[in-house]
């Protein structure tokens, strides 16, 4: 997973996000995706918010304002403290929640109303999502959980244990 702290990485991640969310390229494609793809808009605002945090108190304020704008304009809560690799796809961004300590690898897909966060308020342990994972609508992944590369979490599953690479987890709790 790549960090998004330098301008070059932000641009590289942005191109991957554009391709993952809209199958478009270039400046015209980005403009079209900005207006037609809430997922691309949410991920772009996340990238800007994450990068702004590196610029002292003013950057942290800008980061919070960008984060609030993302929530208000897309219905998608992605903490600027989460670490997300390139190519995050949000086909239906509404209701997606990504908590502050979550780590997401490259080319992950999250559908609507997916929650990635901590299991309890007093426990600051967050999920780690491997490369190429797909998490379907309404799934909840909480706590000290690792989703292995290429795994799939079914719709409305509640994941509280690790999922092996390439495996599928479904049910309540997921098995």
N, C-alpha and C. Protein backbone atom coordinates (compact mmCIF):
# COMPACT_ATOMS: atom_id res chain seq x y z
N UNK A 1 0.85 -1.18 0.00
CA UNK A 1 0.00 0.00 0.00
C UNK A 1 0.89 1.23 0.00
N UNK A 2 0.53 2.23 -0.76
CA UNK A 2 1.30 3.45 -0.84
C UNK A 2 0.68 4.51 0.06
N UNK A 3 1.56 5.35 0.63
CA UNK A 3 1.09 6.50 1.37
C UNK A 3 0.71 7.60 0.38
N UNK A 4 -0.05 8.55 0.82
CA UNK A 4 -0.49 9.62 -0.08
C UNK A 4 0.04 10.97 0.38
N UNK A 5 1.29 11.04 0.88
CA UNK A 5 1.78 12.26 1.47
C UNK A 5 2.50 13.19 0.50
N UNK A 6 3.07 12.72 -0.58
CA UNK A 6 3.77 13.61 -1.50
C UNK A 6 2.89 13.92 -2.70
N UNK A 7 3.21 15.03 -3.36
CA UNK A 7 2.41 15.45 -4.52
C UNK A 7 2.42 14.39 -5.62
N UNK A 8 3.58 13.77 -5.85
CA UNK A 8 3.67 12.73 -6.88
C UNK A 8 2.81 11.53 -6.57
N UNK A 9 2.80 11.13 -5.32
CA UNK A 9 1.96 10.00 -4.94
C UNK A 9 0.48 10.35 -5.02
N UNK A 10 0.14 11.58 -4.63
CA UNK A 10 -1.25 12.00 -4.71
C UNK A 10 -1.71 11.94 -6.17
N UNK A 11 -0.89 12.45 -7.08
CA UNK A 11 -1.25 12.43 -8.50
C UNK A 11 -1.36 11.01 -9.03
N UNK A 12 -0.42 10.15 -8.66
CA UNK A 12 -0.44 8.76 -9.10
C UNK A 12 -1.68 8.04 -8.57
N UNK A 13 -1.96 8.21 -7.28
CA UNK A 13 -3.14 7.60 -6.69
C UNK A 13 -4.41 8.14 -7.33
N UNK A 14 -4.43 9.43 -7.61
CA UNK A 14 -5.58 10.06 -8.22
C UNK A 14 -5.89 9.45 -9.58
N UNK A 15 -4.86 9.20 -10.38
CA UNK A 15 -5.07 8.57 -11.69
C UNK A 15 -5.66 7.16 -11.52
N UNK A 16 -5.15 6.40 -10.57
CA UNK A 16 -5.69 5.06 -10.30
C UNK A 16 -7.13 5.13 -9.82
N UNK A 17 -7.42 6.11 -8.96
CA UNK A 17 -8.79 6.28 -8.47
C UNK A 17 -9.74 6.65 -9.60
N UNK A 18 -9.28 7.53 -10.50
CA UNK A 18 -10.10 7.92 -11.65
C UNK A 18 -10.44 6.71 -12.49
N UNK A 19 -9.45 5.90 -12.79
CA UNK A 19 -9.68 4.70 -13.61
C UNK A 19 -10.60 3.71 -12.89
N UNK A 20 -10.41 3.52 -11.57
CA UNK A 20 -11.22 2.57 -10.81
C UNK A 20 -12.68 3.00 -10.69
N UNK A 21 -12.93 4.31 -10.62
CA UNK A 21 -14.28 4.79 -10.39
C UNK A 21 -15.05 5.19 -11.63
N UNK A 22 -14.34 5.46 -12.73
CA UNK A 22 -15.09 5.95 -13.89
C UNK A 22 -14.63 5.36 -15.22
N UNK A 23 -13.56 4.62 -15.22
CA UNK A 23 -13.02 4.04 -16.45
C UNK A 23 -12.66 5.14 -17.46
N UNK A 24 -12.38 6.34 -16.97
CA UNK A 24 -12.00 7.47 -17.83
C UNK A 24 -10.55 7.83 -17.57
N UNK A 25 -9.99 8.65 -18.46
CA UNK A 25 -8.62 9.11 -18.32
C UNK A 25 -8.54 10.59 -18.66
N UNK A 26 -7.47 11.23 -18.19
CA UNK A 26 -7.18 12.60 -18.57
C UNK A 26 -8.03 13.64 -17.87
N UNK A 27 -7.75 14.89 -18.19
CA UNK A 27 -8.42 16.01 -17.54
C UNK A 27 -9.92 16.04 -17.84
N UNK A 28 -10.30 15.82 -19.07
CA UNK A 28 -11.72 15.82 -19.43
C UNK A 28 -12.44 14.69 -18.72
N UNK A 29 -11.82 13.51 -18.69
CA UNK A 29 -12.40 12.38 -17.97
C UNK A 29 -12.57 12.67 -16.49
N UNK A 30 -11.60 13.38 -15.90
CA UNK A 30 -11.68 13.73 -14.48
C UNK A 30 -12.82 14.69 -14.21
N UNK A 31 -13.00 15.65 -15.10
CA UNK A 31 -14.10 16.61 -14.93
C UNK A 31 -15.44 15.90 -15.01
N UNK A 32 -15.57 15.03 -15.99
CA UNK A 32 -16.81 14.26 -16.13
C UNK A 32 -17.04 13.38 -14.90
N UNK A 33 -15.99 12.69 -14.45
CA UNK A 33 -16.11 11.81 -13.28
C UNK A 33 -16.45 12.60 -12.03
N UNK A 34 -15.88 13.80 -11.89
CA UNK A 34 -16.16 14.63 -10.72
C UNK A 34 -17.66 14.89 -10.59
N UNK A 35 -18.33 15.14 -11.71
CA UNK A 35 -19.76 15.44 -11.70
C UNK A 35 -20.64 14.21 -11.71
N UNK A 36 -20.17 13.11 -12.28
CA UNK A 36 -21.02 11.93 -12.44
C UNK A 36 -20.71 10.77 -11.51
N UNK A 37 -19.57 10.81 -10.82
CA UNK A 37 -19.18 9.69 -9.96
C UNK A 37 -18.95 10.16 -8.53
N UNK A 38 -19.95 10.00 -7.65
CA UNK A 38 -19.74 10.38 -6.26
C UNK A 38 -18.56 9.64 -5.61
N UNK A 39 -18.32 8.40 -6.06
CA UNK A 39 -17.19 7.64 -5.53
C UNK A 39 -15.86 8.29 -5.84
N UNK A 40 -15.69 8.73 -7.08
CA UNK A 40 -14.46 9.42 -7.46
C UNK A 40 -14.32 10.73 -6.69
N UNK A 41 -15.41 11.46 -6.56
CA UNK A 41 -15.39 12.72 -5.82
C UNK A 41 -14.99 12.48 -4.36
N UNK A 42 -15.57 11.46 -3.73
CA UNK A 42 -15.25 11.16 -2.33
C UNK A 42 -13.79 10.79 -2.15
N UNK A 43 -13.27 9.96 -3.02
CA UNK A 43 -11.87 9.52 -2.90
C UNK A 43 -10.93 10.70 -3.19
N UNK A 44 -11.27 11.54 -4.14
CA UNK A 44 -10.45 12.71 -4.45
C UNK A 44 -10.40 13.67 -3.26
N UNK A 45 -11.54 13.92 -2.66
CA UNK A 45 -11.57 14.81 -1.49
C UNK A 45 -10.78 14.17 -0.35
N UNK A 46 -10.90 12.86 -0.17
CA UNK A 46 -10.08 12.18 0.85
C UNK A 46 -8.59 12.43 0.59
N UNK A 47 -8.14 12.24 -0.65
CA UNK A 47 -6.72 12.42 -0.98
C UNK A 47 -6.25 13.84 -0.66
N UNK A 48 -7.08 14.84 -1.01
CA UNK A 48 -6.74 16.23 -0.71
C UNK A 48 -6.70 16.47 0.79
N UNK A 49 -7.68 15.92 1.49
CA UNK A 49 -7.75 16.07 2.94
C UNK A 49 -6.55 15.43 3.63
N UNK A 50 -6.17 14.25 3.17
CA UNK A 50 -5.01 13.54 3.73
C UNK A 50 -3.73 14.34 3.49
N UNK A 51 -3.56 14.87 2.28
CA UNK A 51 -2.36 15.63 1.95
C UNK A 51 -2.31 16.95 2.73
N UNK A 52 -3.45 17.59 2.95
CA UNK A 52 -3.49 18.87 3.66
C UNK A 52 -2.99 18.75 5.09
N UNK A 53 -3.13 17.58 5.70
CA UNK A 53 -2.72 17.39 7.09
C UNK A 53 -1.24 17.64 7.31
N UNK A 54 -0.43 17.60 6.28
CA UNK A 54 1.01 17.79 6.41
C UNK A 54 1.43 19.25 6.53
N UNK A 55 0.49 20.17 6.47
CA UNK A 55 0.83 21.59 6.44
C UNK A 55 0.43 22.33 7.71
N UNK A 56 0.82 21.78 8.86
CA UNK A 56 0.63 22.45 10.14
C UNK A 56 -0.82 22.66 10.52
N UNK A 57 -1.04 23.61 11.44
CA UNK A 57 -2.39 23.85 11.94
C UNK A 57 -3.38 24.28 10.85
N UNK A 58 -2.92 25.09 9.92
CA UNK A 58 -3.81 25.53 8.83
C UNK A 58 -4.18 24.34 7.96
N UNK A 59 -3.22 23.45 7.71
CA UNK A 59 -3.48 22.25 6.93
C UNK A 59 -4.46 21.32 7.63
N UNK A 60 -4.33 21.21 8.94
CA UNK A 60 -5.26 20.36 9.70
C UNK A 60 -6.68 20.92 9.66
N UNK A 61 -6.78 22.24 9.72
CA UNK A 61 -8.10 22.88 9.60
C UNK A 61 -8.66 22.63 8.20
N UNK A 62 -7.83 22.83 7.18
CA UNK A 62 -8.27 22.57 5.80
C UNK A 62 -8.68 21.12 5.63
N UNK A 63 -7.94 20.21 6.25
CA UNK A 63 -8.26 18.79 6.19
C UNK A 63 -9.64 18.51 6.76
N UNK A 64 -9.94 19.10 7.90
CA UNK A 64 -11.25 18.91 8.53
C UNK A 64 -12.38 19.50 7.68
N UNK A 65 -12.12 20.67 7.09
CA UNK A 65 -13.14 21.28 6.23
C UNK A 65 -13.40 20.44 4.98
N UNK A 66 -12.33 19.92 4.39
CA UNK A 66 -12.49 19.04 3.23
C UNK A 66 -13.25 17.77 3.61
N UNK A 67 -12.91 17.19 4.75
CA UNK A 67 -13.60 15.98 5.22
C UNK A 67 -15.10 16.24 5.40
N UNK A 68 -15.42 17.36 6.02
CA UNK A 68 -16.84 17.69 6.22
C UNK A 68 -17.56 17.93 4.90
N UNK A 69 -16.87 18.53 3.95
CA UNK A 69 -17.43 18.74 2.62
C UNK A 69 -17.70 17.40 1.95
N UNK A 70 -16.78 16.46 2.10
CA UNK A 70 -16.95 15.12 1.52
C UNK A 70 -18.21 14.46 2.09
N UNK A 71 -18.37 14.52 3.39
CA UNK A 71 -19.53 13.91 4.03
C UNK A 71 -20.82 14.57 3.54
N UNK A 72 -20.82 15.90 3.48
CA UNK A 72 -22.02 16.62 3.07
C UNK A 72 -22.36 16.43 1.60
N UNK A 73 -21.34 16.37 0.74
CA UNK A 73 -21.63 16.33 -0.70
C UNK A 73 -21.77 14.92 -1.27
N UNK A 74 -21.22 13.92 -0.59
CA UNK A 74 -21.29 12.56 -1.14
C UNK A 74 -21.97 11.56 -0.22
N UNK A 75 -22.17 11.91 1.03
CA UNK A 75 -22.74 10.96 1.98
C UNK A 75 -21.77 9.87 2.36
N UNK A 76 -20.50 10.13 2.18
CA UNK A 76 -19.45 9.14 2.39
C UNK A 76 -18.47 9.67 3.44
N UNK A 77 -18.24 8.90 4.50
CA UNK A 77 -17.36 9.32 5.60
C UNK A 77 -16.05 8.55 5.47
N UNK A 78 -15.01 9.24 4.98
CA UNK A 78 -13.68 8.64 4.91
C UNK A 78 -12.76 9.51 5.74
N UNK A 79 -12.29 9.00 6.87
CA UNK A 79 -11.42 9.78 7.74
C UNK A 79 -10.12 10.11 7.04
N UNK A 80 -9.64 11.36 7.18
CA UNK A 80 -8.34 11.71 6.60
C UNK A 80 -7.18 10.99 7.28
N UNK A 81 -7.44 10.33 8.40
CA UNK A 81 -6.39 9.59 9.10
C UNK A 81 -6.30 8.14 8.62
N UNK A 82 -7.27 7.69 7.85
CA UNK A 82 -7.21 6.34 7.26
C UNK A 82 -6.09 6.32 6.23
N UNK A 83 -5.51 5.14 6.02
CA UNK A 83 -4.46 5.00 5.00
C UNK A 83 -5.02 4.14 3.87
N UNK A 84 -5.11 4.75 2.69
CA UNK A 84 -5.76 4.09 1.56
C UNK A 84 -4.84 4.08 0.36
N UNK A 85 -4.63 2.91 -0.21
CA UNK A 85 -3.81 2.77 -1.40
C UNK A 85 -4.55 3.22 -2.64
N UNK A 86 -3.86 3.22 -3.77
CA UNK A 86 -4.47 3.70 -5.02
C UNK A 86 -5.55 2.76 -5.54
N UNK A 87 -6.45 3.32 -6.34
CA UNK A 87 -7.45 2.50 -7.02
C UNK A 87 -8.64 2.13 -6.17
N UNK A 88 -8.94 2.89 -5.12
CA UNK A 88 -10.13 2.60 -4.32
C UNK A 88 -11.36 2.89 -5.17
N UNK A 89 -12.24 1.91 -5.31
CA UNK A 89 -13.46 2.04 -6.10
C UNK A 89 -14.66 2.07 -5.17
N UNK A 90 -15.48 3.10 -5.34
CA UNK A 90 -16.73 3.24 -4.59
C UNK A 90 -17.87 3.37 -5.60
N UNK A 91 -18.36 2.23 -6.14
CA UNK A 91 -19.41 2.29 -7.16
C UNK A 91 -20.67 3.01 -6.69
N UNK A 92 -20.99 2.88 -5.43
CA UNK A 92 -22.15 3.55 -4.83
C UNK A 92 -21.68 4.08 -3.48
N UNK A 93 -21.19 5.30 -3.43
CA UNK A 93 -20.48 5.83 -2.27
C UNK A 93 -21.34 6.13 -1.06
N UNK A 94 -22.63 6.27 -1.22
CA UNK A 94 -23.49 6.69 -0.12
C UNK A 94 -23.42 5.72 1.05
N UNK A 95 -23.20 6.27 2.22
CA UNK A 95 -23.21 5.48 3.44
C UNK A 95 -21.93 4.75 3.76
N UNK A 96 -20.91 4.88 2.96
CA UNK A 96 -19.63 4.23 3.24
C UNK A 96 -18.97 4.95 4.40
N UNK A 97 -18.48 4.18 5.39
CA UNK A 97 -17.78 4.74 6.54
C UNK A 97 -16.43 4.04 6.65
N UNK A 98 -15.35 4.84 6.62
CA UNK A 98 -13.99 4.33 6.80
C UNK A 98 -13.40 5.09 7.98
N UNK A 99 -13.17 4.38 9.09
CA UNK A 99 -12.68 4.99 10.32
C UNK A 99 -11.23 5.41 10.24
N UNK A 100 -10.80 6.13 11.26
CA UNK A 100 -9.50 6.79 11.23
C UNK A 100 -8.29 5.87 11.22
N UNK A 101 -8.36 4.69 11.75
CA UNK A 101 -7.19 3.82 11.78
C UNK A 101 -7.20 2.72 10.74
N UNK A 102 -8.16 2.74 9.85
CA UNK A 102 -8.31 1.70 8.84
C UNK A 102 -7.17 1.79 7.82
N UNK A 103 -6.67 0.63 7.40
CA UNK A 103 -5.68 0.55 6.33
C UNK A 103 -6.28 -0.23 5.18
N UNK A 104 -6.27 0.38 4.00
CA UNK A 104 -6.83 -0.25 2.81
C UNK A 104 -5.75 -0.32 1.75
N UNK A 105 -5.50 -1.50 1.23
CA UNK A 105 -4.47 -1.69 0.21
C UNK A 105 -4.98 -1.26 -1.16
N UNK A 106 -4.24 -1.57 -2.19
CA UNK A 106 -4.54 -1.16 -3.56
C UNK A 106 -5.74 -1.89 -4.15
N UNK A 107 -6.48 -1.18 -5.01
CA UNK A 107 -7.54 -1.75 -5.85
C UNK A 107 -8.61 -2.50 -5.06
N UNK A 108 -9.13 -1.83 -4.04
CA UNK A 108 -10.20 -2.37 -3.21
C UNK A 108 -11.52 -1.75 -3.67
N UNK A 109 -12.61 -2.52 -3.60
CA UNK A 109 -13.94 -2.04 -3.96
C UNK A 109 -14.85 -2.10 -2.74
N UNK A 110 -15.48 -0.98 -2.42
CA UNK A 110 -16.44 -0.90 -1.32
C UNK A 110 -17.78 -0.45 -1.89
N UNK A 111 -18.82 -1.23 -1.66
CA UNK A 111 -20.16 -0.85 -2.11
C UNK A 111 -20.87 -0.03 -1.03
N UNK A 112 -22.12 0.37 -1.30
CA UNK A 112 -22.84 1.27 -0.41
C UNK A 112 -23.03 0.69 0.98
N UNK A 113 -23.03 1.60 1.93
CA UNK A 113 -23.30 1.30 3.35
C UNK A 113 -22.32 0.31 3.97
N UNK A 114 -21.10 0.27 3.49
CA UNK A 114 -20.05 -0.54 4.11
C UNK A 114 -19.45 0.26 5.26
N UNK A 115 -19.22 -0.42 6.39
CA UNK A 115 -18.60 0.21 7.54
C UNK A 115 -17.31 -0.51 7.88
N UNK A 116 -16.22 0.24 7.96
CA UNK A 116 -14.92 -0.27 8.40
C UNK A 116 -14.52 0.57 9.60
N UNK A 117 -14.47 -0.04 10.78
CA UNK A 117 -14.16 0.76 11.96
C UNK A 117 -13.79 -0.08 13.15
N UNK A 118 -13.76 0.57 14.29
CA UNK A 118 -13.39 -0.14 15.51
C UNK A 118 -14.62 -0.82 16.11
N UNK A 119 -14.36 -1.87 16.90
CA UNK A 119 -15.45 -2.66 17.46
C UNK A 119 -16.09 -1.98 18.67
N UNK A 120 -15.28 -1.29 19.45
CA UNK A 120 -15.79 -0.63 20.66
C UNK A 120 -15.17 0.76 20.76
N UNK A 121 -15.87 1.65 21.42
CA UNK A 121 -15.39 3.02 21.56
C UNK A 121 -14.06 3.09 22.29
N UNK A 122 -13.84 2.22 23.25
CA UNK A 122 -12.60 2.26 24.04
C UNK A 122 -11.48 1.41 23.45
N UNK A 123 -11.69 0.86 22.28
CA UNK A 123 -10.70 0.00 21.63
C UNK A 123 -10.30 0.62 20.29
N UNK A 124 -9.07 1.12 20.20
CA UNK A 124 -8.62 1.84 19.00
C UNK A 124 -7.92 0.92 18.01
N UNK A 125 -8.51 -0.24 17.74
CA UNK A 125 -7.95 -1.18 16.77
C UNK A 125 -8.90 -1.24 15.57
N UNK A 126 -8.31 -1.08 14.39
CA UNK A 126 -9.10 -0.99 13.16
C UNK A 126 -8.76 -2.10 12.19
N UNK A 127 -9.63 -2.36 11.22
CA UNK A 127 -9.38 -3.40 10.22
C UNK A 127 -8.25 -3.03 9.24
N UNK A 128 -7.67 -4.09 8.69
CA UNK A 128 -6.69 -3.96 7.61
C UNK A 128 -7.28 -4.72 6.42
N UNK A 129 -7.41 -4.03 5.29
CA UNK A 129 -8.04 -4.60 4.11
C UNK A 129 -6.96 -4.83 3.06
N UNK A 130 -6.81 -6.08 2.62
CA UNK A 130 -5.78 -6.45 1.67
C UNK A 130 -6.09 -6.04 0.24
N UNK A 131 -5.11 -6.23 -0.61
CA UNK A 131 -5.21 -5.84 -2.02
C UNK A 131 -6.31 -6.62 -2.75
N UNK A 132 -7.09 -5.88 -3.57
CA UNK A 132 -8.10 -6.50 -4.42
C UNK A 132 -9.32 -7.03 -3.70
N UNK A 133 -9.54 -6.64 -2.47
CA UNK A 133 -10.71 -7.10 -1.70
C UNK A 133 -11.97 -6.41 -2.23
N UNK A 134 -13.08 -7.13 -2.23
CA UNK A 134 -14.39 -6.57 -2.57
C UNK A 134 -15.29 -6.75 -1.36
N UNK A 135 -15.90 -5.65 -0.93
CA UNK A 135 -16.82 -5.68 0.20
C UNK A 135 -18.17 -5.18 -0.30
N UNK A 136 -19.17 -6.06 -0.25
CA UNK A 136 -20.48 -5.75 -0.81
C UNK A 136 -21.37 -4.98 0.16
N UNK A 137 -22.50 -4.52 -0.34
CA UNK A 137 -23.40 -3.59 0.34
C UNK A 137 -23.78 -4.01 1.75
N UNK A 138 -23.70 -3.04 2.65
CA UNK A 138 -24.16 -3.25 4.02
C UNK A 138 -23.24 -4.03 4.92
N UNK A 139 -22.10 -4.46 4.43
CA UNK A 139 -21.18 -5.25 5.26
C UNK A 139 -20.54 -4.37 6.33
N UNK A 140 -20.24 -5.00 7.46
CA UNK A 140 -19.60 -4.32 8.57
C UNK A 140 -18.34 -5.12 8.93
N UNK A 141 -17.20 -4.44 8.94
CA UNK A 141 -15.93 -5.06 9.31
C UNK A 141 -15.37 -4.22 10.45
N UNK A 142 -15.27 -4.81 11.64
CA UNK A 142 -14.87 -4.03 12.81
C UNK A 142 -13.80 -4.73 13.63
N UNK A 143 -12.98 -3.92 14.27
CA UNK A 143 -11.99 -4.41 15.21
C UNK A 143 -10.69 -4.84 14.55
N UNK A 144 -9.96 -5.66 15.27
CA UNK A 144 -8.65 -6.15 14.85
C UNK A 144 -8.83 -7.29 13.85
N UNK A 145 -9.22 -6.93 12.62
CA UNK A 145 -9.54 -7.90 11.59
C UNK A 145 -8.67 -7.63 10.37
N UNK A 146 -8.18 -8.69 9.75
CA UNK A 146 -7.44 -8.57 8.50
C UNK A 146 -8.20 -9.32 7.42
N UNK A 147 -8.48 -8.61 6.32
CA UNK A 147 -9.08 -9.24 5.15
C UNK A 147 -7.96 -9.51 4.17
N UNK A 148 -7.68 -10.77 3.92
CA UNK A 148 -6.59 -11.15 3.04
C UNK A 148 -6.81 -10.72 1.60
N UNK A 149 -5.71 -10.63 0.85
CA UNK A 149 -5.77 -10.19 -0.54
C UNK A 149 -6.75 -11.03 -1.34
N UNK A 150 -7.57 -10.37 -2.14
CA UNK A 150 -8.51 -11.05 -3.02
C UNK A 150 -9.71 -11.66 -2.33
N UNK A 151 -9.90 -11.39 -1.05
CA UNK A 151 -11.06 -11.95 -0.36
C UNK A 151 -12.31 -11.14 -0.72
N UNK A 152 -13.48 -11.74 -0.43
CA UNK A 152 -14.77 -11.12 -0.72
C UNK A 152 -15.61 -11.18 0.54
N UNK A 153 -16.25 -10.07 0.87
CA UNK A 153 -17.18 -10.03 2.00
C UNK A 153 -18.56 -9.81 1.42
N UNK A 154 -19.47 -10.72 1.71
CA UNK A 154 -20.82 -10.68 1.14
C UNK A 154 -21.67 -9.57 1.74
N UNK A 155 -22.76 -9.29 1.06
CA UNK A 155 -23.68 -8.24 1.49
C UNK A 155 -24.21 -8.52 2.88
N UNK A 156 -24.25 -7.48 3.71
CA UNK A 156 -24.77 -7.51 5.07
C UNK A 156 -24.03 -8.44 6.02
N UNK A 157 -22.85 -8.90 5.65
CA UNK A 157 -22.04 -9.72 6.55
C UNK A 157 -21.46 -8.84 7.66
N UNK A 158 -21.27 -9.44 8.82
CA UNK A 158 -20.59 -8.77 9.93
C UNK A 158 -19.32 -9.55 10.21
N UNK A 159 -18.18 -8.93 9.90
CA UNK A 159 -16.89 -9.61 10.01
C UNK A 159 -16.20 -9.17 11.30
N UNK A 160 -15.95 -10.14 12.19
CA UNK A 160 -15.27 -9.86 13.45
C UNK A 160 -14.03 -10.74 13.62
N UNK A 161 -13.74 -11.55 12.60
CA UNK A 161 -12.54 -12.40 12.60
C UNK A 161 -11.85 -12.26 11.26
N UNK A 162 -10.58 -12.61 11.22
CA UNK A 162 -9.80 -12.53 9.98
C UNK A 162 -10.42 -13.37 8.87
N UNK A 163 -10.23 -12.90 7.64
CA UNK A 163 -10.67 -13.63 6.45
C UNK A 163 -9.43 -13.93 5.63
N UNK A 164 -9.23 -15.20 5.31
CA UNK A 164 -8.04 -15.63 4.58
C UNK A 164 -8.03 -15.06 3.17
N UNK A 165 -6.84 -14.94 2.61
CA UNK A 165 -6.70 -14.46 1.23
C UNK A 165 -7.49 -15.35 0.28
N UNK A 166 -8.28 -14.72 -0.59
CA UNK A 166 -9.07 -15.45 -1.58
C UNK A 166 -10.35 -16.07 -1.06
N UNK A 167 -10.62 -15.95 0.22
CA UNK A 167 -11.81 -16.56 0.81
C UNK A 167 -13.02 -15.62 0.69
N UNK A 168 -14.22 -16.19 0.90
CA UNK A 168 -15.45 -15.42 0.90
C UNK A 168 -16.08 -15.52 2.28
N UNK A 169 -16.47 -14.37 2.84
CA UNK A 169 -17.09 -14.33 4.16
C UNK A 169 -18.52 -13.85 4.02
N UNK A 170 -19.49 -14.63 4.54
CA UNK A 170 -20.89 -14.25 4.51
C UNK A 170 -21.54 -14.59 5.84
N UNK A 171 -22.61 -13.90 6.16
CA UNK A 171 -23.39 -14.23 7.35
C UNK A 171 -23.20 -13.27 8.49
N UNK A 172 -23.88 -13.61 9.59
CA UNK A 172 -23.88 -12.80 10.80
C UNK A 172 -23.69 -13.70 12.00
N UNK A 173 -22.52 -13.81 12.60
CA UNK A 173 -21.25 -13.26 12.13
C UNK A 173 -20.73 -14.02 10.91
N UNK A 174 -19.88 -13.36 10.16
CA UNK A 174 -19.37 -13.92 8.91
C UNK A 174 -18.53 -15.17 9.15
N UNK A 175 -18.71 -16.14 8.25
CA UNK A 175 -17.92 -17.39 8.31
C UNK A 175 -17.36 -17.66 6.95
